[in-house]
N, C-alpha and C. Protein backbone atom coordinates (compact mmCIF):
# COMPACT_ATOMS: atom_id res chain seq x y z
N UNK A 1 17.16 -30.26 50.21
CA UNK A 1 17.92 -29.25 50.91
C UNK A 1 17.48 -27.81 50.34
N UNK A 2 17.23 -26.87 51.23
CA UNK A 2 16.96 -25.52 50.71
C UNK A 2 18.05 -24.89 50.09
N UNK A 3 17.77 -23.91 49.09
CA UNK A 3 18.73 -23.25 48.35
C UNK A 3 19.41 -22.16 49.36
N UNK A 4 20.53 -21.78 49.14
CA UNK A 4 21.41 -20.79 49.85
C UNK A 4 20.68 -19.45 49.39
N UNK A 5 20.59 -18.57 50.43
CA UNK A 5 20.14 -17.19 50.12
C UNK A 5 21.36 -16.41 49.30
N UNK A 6 20.96 -15.71 48.29
CA UNK A 6 21.90 -14.73 47.55
C UNK A 6 22.24 -13.77 48.30
N UNK A 7 23.46 -13.17 48.31
CA UNK A 7 23.76 -12.07 49.29
C UNK A 7 23.00 -10.74 48.46
N UNK A 8 22.68 -9.94 49.48
CA UNK A 8 22.04 -8.79 49.06
C UNK A 8 22.96 -7.74 48.28
N UNK A 9 22.43 -7.26 47.06
CA UNK A 9 23.32 -6.26 46.25
C UNK A 9 23.05 -4.97 47.02
N UNK A 10 24.27 -4.31 47.15
CA UNK A 10 24.09 -3.00 47.70
C UNK A 10 23.85 -1.96 46.67
N UNK A 11 22.93 -1.04 46.85
CA UNK A 11 22.59 -0.05 45.88
C UNK A 11 23.51 1.04 45.99
N UNK A 12 23.77 1.62 44.89
CA UNK A 12 24.72 2.90 44.98
C UNK A 12 24.04 4.02 45.62
N UNK A 13 24.77 4.82 46.31
CA UNK A 13 24.35 6.04 47.05
C UNK A 13 24.41 7.20 45.90
N UNK A 14 23.31 7.86 45.83
CA UNK A 14 23.19 8.98 44.91
C UNK A 14 23.35 10.29 45.51
N UNK A 15 23.98 11.22 44.99
CA UNK A 15 24.07 12.53 45.65
C UNK A 15 22.87 13.41 44.93
N UNK A 16 22.11 13.86 45.89
CA UNK A 16 21.03 14.61 45.53
C UNK A 16 21.28 15.98 44.95
N UNK A 17 22.51 16.47 45.32
CA UNK A 17 22.89 17.75 44.93
C UNK A 17 23.73 17.76 43.76
N UNK A 18 23.87 16.71 42.87
CA UNK A 18 24.66 16.65 41.79
C UNK A 18 24.36 17.72 40.79
N UNK A 19 25.23 17.95 40.05
CA UNK A 19 25.29 19.06 38.86
C UNK A 19 25.77 18.44 37.61
N UNK A 20 25.09 18.48 36.65
CA UNK A 20 25.62 18.04 35.24
C UNK A 20 25.43 19.20 34.31
N UNK A 21 26.63 19.75 33.67
CA UNK A 21 26.59 21.00 33.02
C UNK A 21 25.83 20.69 31.64
N UNK A 22 25.09 21.67 31.39
CA UNK A 22 24.22 21.56 30.15
C UNK A 22 23.06 20.57 30.17
N UNK A 23 22.67 20.01 31.24
CA UNK A 23 21.63 19.01 31.42
C UNK A 23 20.29 19.71 31.41
N UNK A 24 20.09 20.92 31.67
CA UNK A 24 18.83 21.41 31.77
C UNK A 24 18.12 21.21 33.11
N UNK A 25 16.90 21.21 32.98
CA UNK A 25 16.13 21.09 34.33
C UNK A 25 14.90 20.19 34.04
N UNK A 26 14.38 19.54 35.11
CA UNK A 26 13.18 18.64 35.04
C UNK A 26 11.92 19.44 35.17
N UNK A 27 11.03 19.47 34.25
CA UNK A 27 9.68 20.24 34.27
C UNK A 27 8.56 19.32 34.27
N UNK A 28 7.59 19.34 35.15
CA UNK A 28 6.37 18.66 34.89
C UNK A 28 5.63 19.15 33.64
N UNK A 29 5.20 18.23 32.69
CA UNK A 29 4.51 18.75 31.46
C UNK A 29 3.69 17.60 30.93
N UNK A 30 2.48 18.08 30.43
CA UNK A 30 1.55 17.03 29.88
C UNK A 30 2.18 16.19 28.89
N UNK A 31 1.79 15.03 28.63
CA UNK A 31 2.41 14.33 27.65
C UNK A 31 1.94 14.74 26.37
N UNK A 32 0.82 15.17 26.19
CA UNK A 32 0.32 15.58 24.94
C UNK A 32 1.07 16.83 24.58
N UNK A 33 1.43 17.81 25.28
CA UNK A 33 2.20 18.97 24.88
C UNK A 33 3.41 18.59 24.46
N UNK A 34 4.13 17.52 25.13
CA UNK A 34 5.43 17.24 24.76
C UNK A 34 5.46 16.57 23.44
N UNK A 35 4.44 15.77 23.13
CA UNK A 35 4.42 15.11 21.83
C UNK A 35 4.10 16.13 20.68
N UNK A 36 3.22 17.11 21.06
CA UNK A 36 3.20 18.21 20.05
C UNK A 36 4.34 19.07 19.76
N UNK A 37 5.09 19.35 20.74
CA UNK A 37 6.18 20.16 20.69
C UNK A 37 7.41 19.48 20.01
N UNK A 38 7.59 18.23 20.38
CA UNK A 38 8.85 17.34 19.95
C UNK A 38 8.63 16.34 18.67
N UNK A 39 7.42 15.61 18.81
CA UNK A 39 7.34 14.52 17.88
C UNK A 39 6.76 14.92 16.59
N UNK A 40 5.71 15.85 16.64
CA UNK A 40 4.89 16.27 15.48
C UNK A 40 5.90 17.00 14.44
N UNK A 41 6.70 17.93 14.81
CA UNK A 41 7.52 18.52 13.89
C UNK A 41 8.59 17.49 13.29
N UNK A 42 8.98 16.49 14.00
CA UNK A 42 9.95 15.56 13.54
C UNK A 42 9.16 14.76 12.51
N UNK A 43 7.96 14.35 12.78
CA UNK A 43 7.10 13.26 11.92
C UNK A 43 6.87 14.15 10.60
N UNK A 44 6.48 15.40 10.60
CA UNK A 44 6.18 16.07 9.50
C UNK A 44 7.42 16.35 8.69
N UNK A 45 8.51 16.47 9.23
CA UNK A 45 9.77 16.71 8.43
C UNK A 45 10.18 15.46 7.75
N UNK A 46 10.01 14.24 8.31
CA UNK A 46 10.19 13.03 7.77
C UNK A 46 9.14 12.78 6.61
N UNK A 47 8.01 13.15 6.79
CA UNK A 47 6.95 12.85 5.73
C UNK A 47 7.34 13.79 4.60
N UNK A 48 7.72 15.00 4.87
CA UNK A 48 7.92 16.07 3.83
C UNK A 48 9.17 15.57 2.99
N UNK A 49 10.16 14.99 3.75
CA UNK A 49 11.43 14.58 3.06
C UNK A 49 11.09 13.47 2.26
N UNK A 50 10.30 12.51 2.66
CA UNK A 50 10.18 11.31 1.90
C UNK A 50 9.25 11.60 0.70
N UNK A 51 8.35 12.54 0.82
CA UNK A 51 7.57 13.02 -0.29
C UNK A 51 8.41 13.82 -1.39
N UNK A 52 9.34 14.43 -0.90
CA UNK A 52 10.20 15.46 -1.74
C UNK A 52 11.18 14.49 -2.56
N UNK A 53 11.61 13.40 -1.97
CA UNK A 53 12.54 12.45 -2.60
C UNK A 53 11.78 11.48 -3.30
N UNK A 54 10.45 11.30 -3.26
CA UNK A 54 9.72 10.33 -4.11
C UNK A 54 9.85 9.06 -3.61
N UNK A 55 10.16 8.74 -2.34
CA UNK A 55 10.36 7.48 -1.84
C UNK A 55 9.05 6.87 -1.11
N UNK A 56 7.96 7.41 -1.53
CA UNK A 56 6.65 6.90 -0.93
C UNK A 56 6.32 5.65 -1.41
N UNK A 57 5.94 4.70 -0.56
CA UNK A 57 5.87 3.19 -0.94
C UNK A 57 4.25 2.87 -0.91
N UNK A 58 3.53 3.70 -1.45
CA UNK A 58 1.97 3.47 -1.44
C UNK A 58 1.75 2.65 -2.84
C-alpha cells in the first residue's frame, strides 16, 4: 500500500519593507576584504593576549 502524502507546510510570508532598528545595511563585499577587516584583528589580539599571559602550548 502506498504511503500517504504529508501535507505541504506553508511558508511564512515575509515583509520586504521590514525595518529592524540598529541592524545596519547589507553591502556586497569581497570575502577577503571582510576577513581582513574582521577576522585578522581578532586573531592578532588573541595571539598577543596568549603570548602576554604565557599560555603558549608549543
